[in-house]
Amino acid sequence: MAMIKKSISVTEQQNAWIQSQLASGQFATDSEVIRAAIRMKQRQQDELEYLRGRLEAARRSGLVDQSPEEMLAEFKAELKRDATV
């Protein structure tokens, strides 16, 4: 995948966190830490869109015996089990 160079600014607190991640040995560069954080945010958004879609489909169907909270718990369990989103 082609890389695009970006210049970003972070707070002192964010920089300290990035440095702690580097010190942990999990990452070799600042860029790796930031890319991992972006991937995590992308996954969270994908999961949220999936959950909202499932809840909306259930609401539209009108054939639901579960509360929204019960459905959400079920859909989250599906995400964990399937790990497809």
N, C-alpha and C. Protein backbone atom coordinates (compact mmCIF):
# COMPACT_ATOMS: atom_id res chain seq x y z
N MET A 1 0.84 -1.17 0.00
CA MET A 1 0.00 0.00 0.00
C MET A 1 0.88 1.24 0.00
N ALA A 2 0.56 2.19 -0.84
CA ALA A 2 1.34 3.41 -0.92
C ALA A 2 1.16 4.24 0.34
N MET A 3 2.22 4.86 0.77
CA MET A 3 2.18 5.70 1.96
C MET A 3 2.15 7.17 1.53
N ILE A 4 1.37 7.95 2.25
CA ILE A 4 1.30 9.38 2.02
C ILE A 4 1.87 10.06 3.24
N LYS A 5 2.82 10.93 3.04
CA LYS A 5 3.47 11.61 4.16
C LYS A 5 2.57 12.72 4.68
N LYS A 6 2.39 12.75 6.00
CA LYS A 6 1.58 13.77 6.68
C LYS A 6 2.41 14.38 7.79
N SER A 7 2.12 15.60 8.09
CA SER A 7 2.73 16.27 9.22
C SER A 7 1.61 16.57 10.21
N ILE A 8 1.77 16.15 11.45
CA ILE A 8 0.72 16.38 12.44
C ILE A 8 1.32 17.03 13.68
N SER A 9 0.44 17.63 14.46
CA SER A 9 0.83 18.21 15.74
C SER A 9 0.08 17.45 16.83
N VAL A 10 0.75 17.18 17.93
CA VAL A 10 0.13 16.51 19.06
C VAL A 10 0.41 17.31 20.32
N THR A 11 -0.41 17.08 21.33
CA THR A 11 -0.18 17.75 22.61
C THR A 11 0.99 17.06 23.33
N GLU A 12 1.46 17.68 24.40
CA GLU A 12 2.52 17.07 25.19
C GLU A 12 2.05 15.74 25.77
N GLN A 13 0.81 15.71 26.23
CA GLN A 13 0.25 14.48 26.80
C GLN A 13 0.18 13.38 25.74
N GLN A 14 -0.26 13.70 24.54
CA GLN A 14 -0.31 12.72 23.46
C GLN A 14 1.09 12.24 23.10
N ASN A 15 2.03 13.14 23.07
CA ASN A 15 3.41 12.76 22.76
C ASN A 15 3.96 11.83 23.83
N ALA A 16 3.65 12.11 25.08
CA ALA A 16 4.12 11.24 26.17
C ALA A 16 3.54 9.84 26.00
N TRP A 17 2.27 9.75 25.60
CA TRP A 17 1.65 8.45 25.40
C TRP A 17 2.32 7.73 24.23
N ILE A 18 2.56 8.43 23.15
CA ILE A 18 3.24 7.83 22.00
C ILE A 18 4.61 7.31 22.42
N GLN A 19 5.33 8.11 23.19
CA GLN A 19 6.66 7.69 23.64
C GLN A 19 6.58 6.46 24.55
N SER A 20 5.52 6.39 25.37
CA SER A 20 5.36 5.21 26.24
C SER A 20 5.09 3.96 25.40
N GLN A 21 4.37 4.12 24.30
CA GLN A 21 4.11 2.98 23.41
C GLN A 21 5.41 2.52 22.76
N LEU A 22 6.24 3.47 22.38
CA LEU A 22 7.54 3.12 21.79
C LEU A 22 8.42 2.42 22.83
N ALA A 23 8.40 2.93 24.05
CA ALA A 23 9.22 2.34 25.12
C ALA A 23 8.76 0.93 25.46
N SER A 24 7.47 0.63 25.22
CA SER A 24 6.96 -0.71 25.53
C SER A 24 7.52 -1.76 24.57
N GLY A 25 8.04 -1.31 23.44
CA GLY A 25 8.60 -2.23 22.46
C GLY A 25 7.59 -2.75 21.46
N GLN A 26 6.34 -2.32 21.58
CA GLN A 26 5.31 -2.79 20.65
C GLN A 26 5.42 -2.11 19.28
N PHE A 27 6.00 -0.93 19.26
CA PHE A 27 6.11 -0.16 18.03
C PHE A 27 7.54 0.35 17.87
N ALA A 28 7.94 0.54 16.62
CA ALA A 28 9.29 1.03 16.36
C ALA A 28 9.34 2.52 16.05
N THR A 29 8.21 3.07 15.58
CA THR A 29 8.19 4.48 15.19
C THR A 29 6.89 5.14 15.62
N ASP A 30 6.94 6.47 15.68
CA ASP A 30 5.74 7.25 15.97
C ASP A 30 4.66 6.92 14.95
N SER A 31 5.04 6.79 13.70
CA SER A 31 4.07 6.52 12.63
C SER A 31 3.32 5.22 12.87
N GLU A 32 4.01 4.19 13.34
CA GLU A 32 3.35 2.92 13.62
C GLU A 32 2.29 3.07 14.71
N VAL A 33 2.61 3.85 15.74
CA VAL A 33 1.67 4.08 16.83
C VAL A 33 0.42 4.79 16.30
N ILE A 34 0.64 5.82 15.52
CA ILE A 34 -0.48 6.61 15.00
C ILE A 34 -1.32 5.80 14.02
N ARG A 35 -0.68 5.02 13.16
CA ARG A 35 -1.44 4.17 12.23
C ARG A 35 -2.27 3.14 13.00
N ALA A 36 -1.72 2.56 14.06
CA ALA A 36 -2.48 1.60 14.88
C ALA A 36 -3.68 2.28 15.52
N ALA A 37 -3.50 3.50 16.00
CA ALA A 37 -4.61 4.23 16.60
C ALA A 37 -5.70 4.53 15.57
N ILE A 38 -5.30 4.87 14.36
CA ILE A 38 -6.26 5.13 13.29
C ILE A 38 -7.01 3.85 12.93
N ARG A 39 -6.30 2.73 12.82
CA ARG A 39 -6.97 1.46 12.52
C ARG A 39 -7.99 1.11 13.59
N MET A 40 -7.64 1.33 14.86
CA MET A 40 -8.55 1.05 15.95
C MET A 40 -9.80 1.92 15.84
N LYS A 41 -9.63 3.19 15.55
CA LYS A 41 -10.77 4.09 15.39
C LYS A 41 -11.63 3.67 14.21
N GLN A 42 -11.01 3.24 13.12
CA GLN A 42 -11.77 2.77 11.96
C GLN A 42 -12.61 1.54 12.32
N ARG A 43 -12.03 0.60 13.06
CA ARG A 43 -12.77 -0.59 13.50
C ARG A 43 -13.94 -0.20 14.39
N GLN A 44 -13.71 0.74 15.30
CA GLN A 44 -14.79 1.18 16.19
C GLN A 44 -15.94 1.78 15.38
N GLN A 45 -15.60 2.60 14.39
CA GLN A 45 -16.65 3.20 13.57
C GLN A 45 -17.39 2.15 12.75
N ASP A 46 -16.65 1.18 12.20
CA ASP A 46 -17.29 0.09 11.45
C ASP A 46 -18.25 -0.69 12.35
N GLU A 47 -17.81 -0.98 13.57
CA GLU A 47 -18.67 -1.71 14.51
C GLU A 47 -19.90 -0.90 14.86
N LEU A 48 -19.73 0.39 15.09
CA LEU A 48 -20.86 1.25 15.42
C LEU A 48 -21.87 1.29 14.27
N GLU A 49 -21.39 1.43 13.05
CA GLU A 49 -22.28 1.43 11.89
C GLU A 49 -23.01 0.11 11.76
N TYR A 50 -22.32 -1.00 12.00
CA TYR A 50 -22.93 -2.32 11.96
C TYR A 50 -24.05 -2.42 13.01
N LEU A 51 -23.74 -2.01 14.24
CA LEU A 51 -24.72 -2.09 15.32
C LEU A 51 -25.93 -1.21 15.05
N ARG A 52 -25.69 0.00 14.58
CA ARG A 52 -26.81 0.89 14.25
C ARG A 52 -27.67 0.30 13.14
N GLY A 53 -27.04 -0.28 12.15
CA GLY A 53 -27.78 -0.90 11.05
C GLY A 53 -28.64 -2.05 11.52
N ARG A 54 -28.07 -2.89 12.37
CA ARG A 54 -28.84 -4.03 12.90
C ARG A 54 -30.01 -3.57 13.75
N LEU A 55 -29.78 -2.56 14.60
CA LEU A 55 -30.86 -2.05 15.44
C LEU A 55 -31.96 -1.41 14.58
N GLU A 56 -31.58 -0.66 13.58
CA GLU A 56 -32.57 -0.03 12.71
C GLU A 56 -33.36 -1.07 11.93
N ALA A 57 -32.69 -2.10 11.43
CA ALA A 57 -33.39 -3.17 10.70
C ALA A 57 -34.38 -3.88 11.61
N ALA A 58 -33.99 -4.12 12.85
CA ALA A 58 -34.89 -4.77 13.81
C ALA A 58 -36.09 -3.87 14.12
N ARG A 59 -35.83 -2.58 14.27
CA ARG A 59 -36.91 -1.64 14.56
C ARG A 59 -37.90 -1.58 13.40
N ARG A 60 -37.38 -1.53 12.18
CA ARG A 60 -38.25 -1.45 11.00
C ARG A 60 -39.07 -2.72 10.81
N SER A 61 -38.51 -3.85 11.21
CA SER A 61 -39.21 -5.12 10.99
C SER A 61 -40.47 -5.22 11.84
N GLY A 62 -40.43 -4.58 13.01
CA GLY A 62 -41.58 -4.62 13.89
C GLY A 62 -41.83 -5.98 14.52
N LEU A 63 -40.96 -6.93 14.28
CA LEU A 63 -41.15 -8.29 14.79
C LEU A 63 -40.11 -8.63 15.85
N VAL A 64 -39.91 -7.73 16.78
CA VAL A 64 -38.84 -7.89 17.76
C VAL A 64 -39.44 -8.07 19.16
N ASP A 65 -39.00 -9.12 19.83
CA ASP A 65 -39.43 -9.37 21.21
C ASP A 65 -38.45 -8.79 22.22
N GLN A 66 -37.25 -8.42 21.75
CA GLN A 66 -36.20 -7.96 22.65
C GLN A 66 -36.23 -6.44 22.79
N SER A 67 -35.70 -5.98 23.92
CA SER A 67 -35.52 -4.54 24.11
C SER A 67 -34.32 -4.10 23.29
N PRO A 68 -34.19 -2.80 23.01
CA PRO A 68 -33.00 -2.33 22.29
C PRO A 68 -31.71 -2.73 23.01
N GLU A 69 -31.72 -2.70 24.33
CA GLU A 69 -30.53 -3.06 25.10
C GLU A 69 -30.18 -4.53 24.91
N GLU A 70 -31.21 -5.40 24.91
CA GLU A 70 -30.97 -6.83 24.70
C GLU A 70 -30.43 -7.10 23.29
N MET A 71 -31.02 -6.40 22.31
CA MET A 71 -30.54 -6.57 20.93
C MET A 71 -29.10 -6.10 20.81
N LEU A 72 -28.80 -4.96 21.41
CA LEU A 72 -27.44 -4.44 21.33
C LEU A 72 -26.45 -5.42 21.94
N ALA A 73 -26.78 -6.00 23.08
CA ALA A 73 -25.91 -6.99 23.72
C ALA A 73 -25.72 -8.19 22.81
N GLU A 74 -26.80 -8.63 22.16
CA GLU A 74 -26.70 -9.77 21.24
C GLU A 74 -25.82 -9.44 20.04
N PHE A 75 -26.00 -8.25 19.46
CA PHE A 75 -25.23 -7.86 18.28
C PHE A 75 -23.75 -7.70 18.63
N LYS A 76 -23.47 -7.15 19.81
CA LYS A 76 -22.07 -7.02 20.24
C LYS A 76 -21.44 -8.40 20.42
N ALA A 77 -22.20 -9.34 20.96
CA ALA A 77 -21.69 -10.71 21.13
C ALA A 77 -21.39 -11.32 19.76
N GLU A 78 -22.26 -11.05 18.79
CA GLU A 78 -22.02 -11.55 17.43
C GLU A 78 -20.73 -10.98 16.86
N LEU A 79 -20.51 -9.68 17.08
CA LEU A 79 -19.28 -9.05 16.59
C LEU A 79 -18.04 -9.72 17.18
N LYS A 80 -18.08 -9.94 18.48
CA LYS A 80 -16.94 -10.58 19.15
C LYS A 80 -16.73 -12.00 18.63
N ARG A 81 -17.83 -12.73 18.47
CA ARG A 81 -17.74 -14.12 18.03
C ARG A 81 -17.25 -14.21 16.59
N ASP A 82 -17.83 -13.40 15.72
CA ASP A 82 -17.53 -13.49 14.30
C ASP A 82 -16.29 -12.70 13.91
N ALA A 83 -16.04 -11.59 14.59
CA ALA A 83 -14.90 -10.71 14.27
C ALA A 83 -14.82 -10.45 12.77
N THR A 84 -15.98 -10.18 12.15
CA THR A 84 -16.00 -9.94 10.70
C THR A 84 -16.11 -8.48 10.37
N VAL A 85 -16.44 -7.66 11.33
CA VAL A 85 -16.60 -6.21 11.05
C VAL A 85 -15.40 -5.49 11.56
